[in-house]
Protein backbone atom coordinates (compact mmCIF):
# COMPACT_ATOMS: atom_id res chain seq x y z
CA MET A 1 -23.43 -12.21 26.49
CA ALA A 2 -23.29 -15.35 24.47
CA LEU A 3 -22.27 -15.43 20.95
CA THR A 4 -22.77 -18.09 18.33
CA VAL A 5 -20.17 -18.29 15.52
CA ARG A 6 -19.54 -20.92 12.72
CA LEU A 7 -16.13 -21.55 11.90
CA PRO A 8 -14.66 -22.97 8.93
CA GLU A 9 -13.41 -26.57 9.21
CA ARG A 10 -9.52 -26.00 9.01
CA VAL A 11 -10.18 -23.26 11.96
CA GLU A 12 -12.02 -25.26 14.08
CA ARG A 13 -9.51 -28.17 13.64
CA ASN A 14 -6.97 -25.92 14.52
CA LEU A 15 -8.65 -24.28 17.22
CA ALA A 16 -9.29 -27.87 18.77
CA GLU A 17 -5.41 -29.00 18.07
CA TYR A 18 -4.47 -25.53 20.25
CA CYS A 19 -6.76 -26.28 22.79
CA VAL A 20 -5.41 -29.82 23.29
CA ALA A 21 -1.61 -28.66 23.17
CA HIS A 22 -2.31 -25.79 25.69
CA SER A 23 -4.92 -27.36 27.98
CA VAL A 24 -7.51 -24.98 27.39
CA THR A 25 -11.08 -24.85 26.79
CA LYS A 26 -12.41 -23.87 23.38
CA ILE A 27 -14.18 -21.07 25.06
CA GLU A 28 -11.03 -20.34 26.98
CA ALA A 29 -9.14 -19.92 23.82
CA VAL A 30 -11.43 -17.85 21.73
CA LYS A 31 -11.77 -15.35 24.83
CA ARG A 32 -8.03 -14.98 25.01
CA ALA A 33 -7.72 -14.28 20.89
CA LEU A 34 -10.33 -11.87 20.89
CA GLU A 35 -8.91 -9.87 24.33
CA ARG A 36 -5.60 -9.76 22.59
CA LEU A 37 -6.87 -8.64 19.32
CA LEU A 38 -9.10 -5.90 20.85
CA GLN A 39 -6.31 -4.61 23.32
CA ALA A 40 -5.39 -1.22 21.81
CA PRO A 41 -1.30 -0.82 21.85
CA ALA A 42 -0.26 1.82 24.02
CA LYS A 43 0.04 5.51 22.06
CA GLY A 44 3.50 6.27 20.67
CA LYS A 45 4.50 2.65 21.49
CA ALA A 46 5.22 -0.28 18.67
CA ASP A 47 3.53 -3.36 19.27
CA PRO A 48 6.27 -5.96 19.28
CA ASP A 49 4.05 -8.65 17.95
CA HIS A 50 3.40 -6.87 15.02
CA PRO A 51 4.42 -9.17 12.00
CA PHE A 52 6.72 -6.06 10.43
CA VAL A 53 8.36 -4.83 13.70
CA GLY A 54 11.90 -5.35 13.50
CA CYS A 55 11.93 -6.95 10.05
CA ASP A 56 13.87 -3.95 7.96
CA THR A 57 17.52 -4.85 8.43
CA THR A 58 18.71 -2.48 5.89
CA ALA A 59 21.37 -0.12 7.11
CA GLY A 60 21.40 3.76 6.72
CA ASP A 61 18.70 6.16 6.61
CA VAL A 62 15.81 4.31 4.73
CA ALA A 63 13.22 7.38 4.98
CA ARG A 64 15.70 9.67 3.35
CA HIS A 65 17.05 7.17 0.29
CA THR A 66 14.19 5.41 -0.54
CA LYS A 67 13.64 5.98 -4.03
CA ARG A 68 17.45 5.16 -4.35
CA MET A 69 17.53 1.94 -2.14
CA LEU A 70 14.44 0.71 -4.25
CA ARG A 71 15.59 1.27 -7.17
CA GLU A 72 18.77 -0.64 -6.07
CA ARG A 73 16.71 -3.68 -4.85
CA PHE A 74 14.97 -4.02 -8.03
CA ARG A 75 18.00 -3.83 -10.29
CA GLY A 76 19.42 -6.54 -8.05
CA LYS A 77 22.22 -4.70 -6.51
CA GLY A 78 20.84 -4.89 -2.95
């Protein structure tokens, strides 16, 4: 299947830089990106590449004490 896409200049420039750095064609880079984007994570498992995975460094039971922890955070105690 053929697909034509207009990319903003910034995205096209970033794509070209990526292709040079990784020695791949633009077509191959776009195919890889789309395949990765469309991959469904295994049911019940966290996606380790998600930007929010592992970002919470709070100790204790966050779910149980959410309101208290938020109050402390906004008051500057945490």
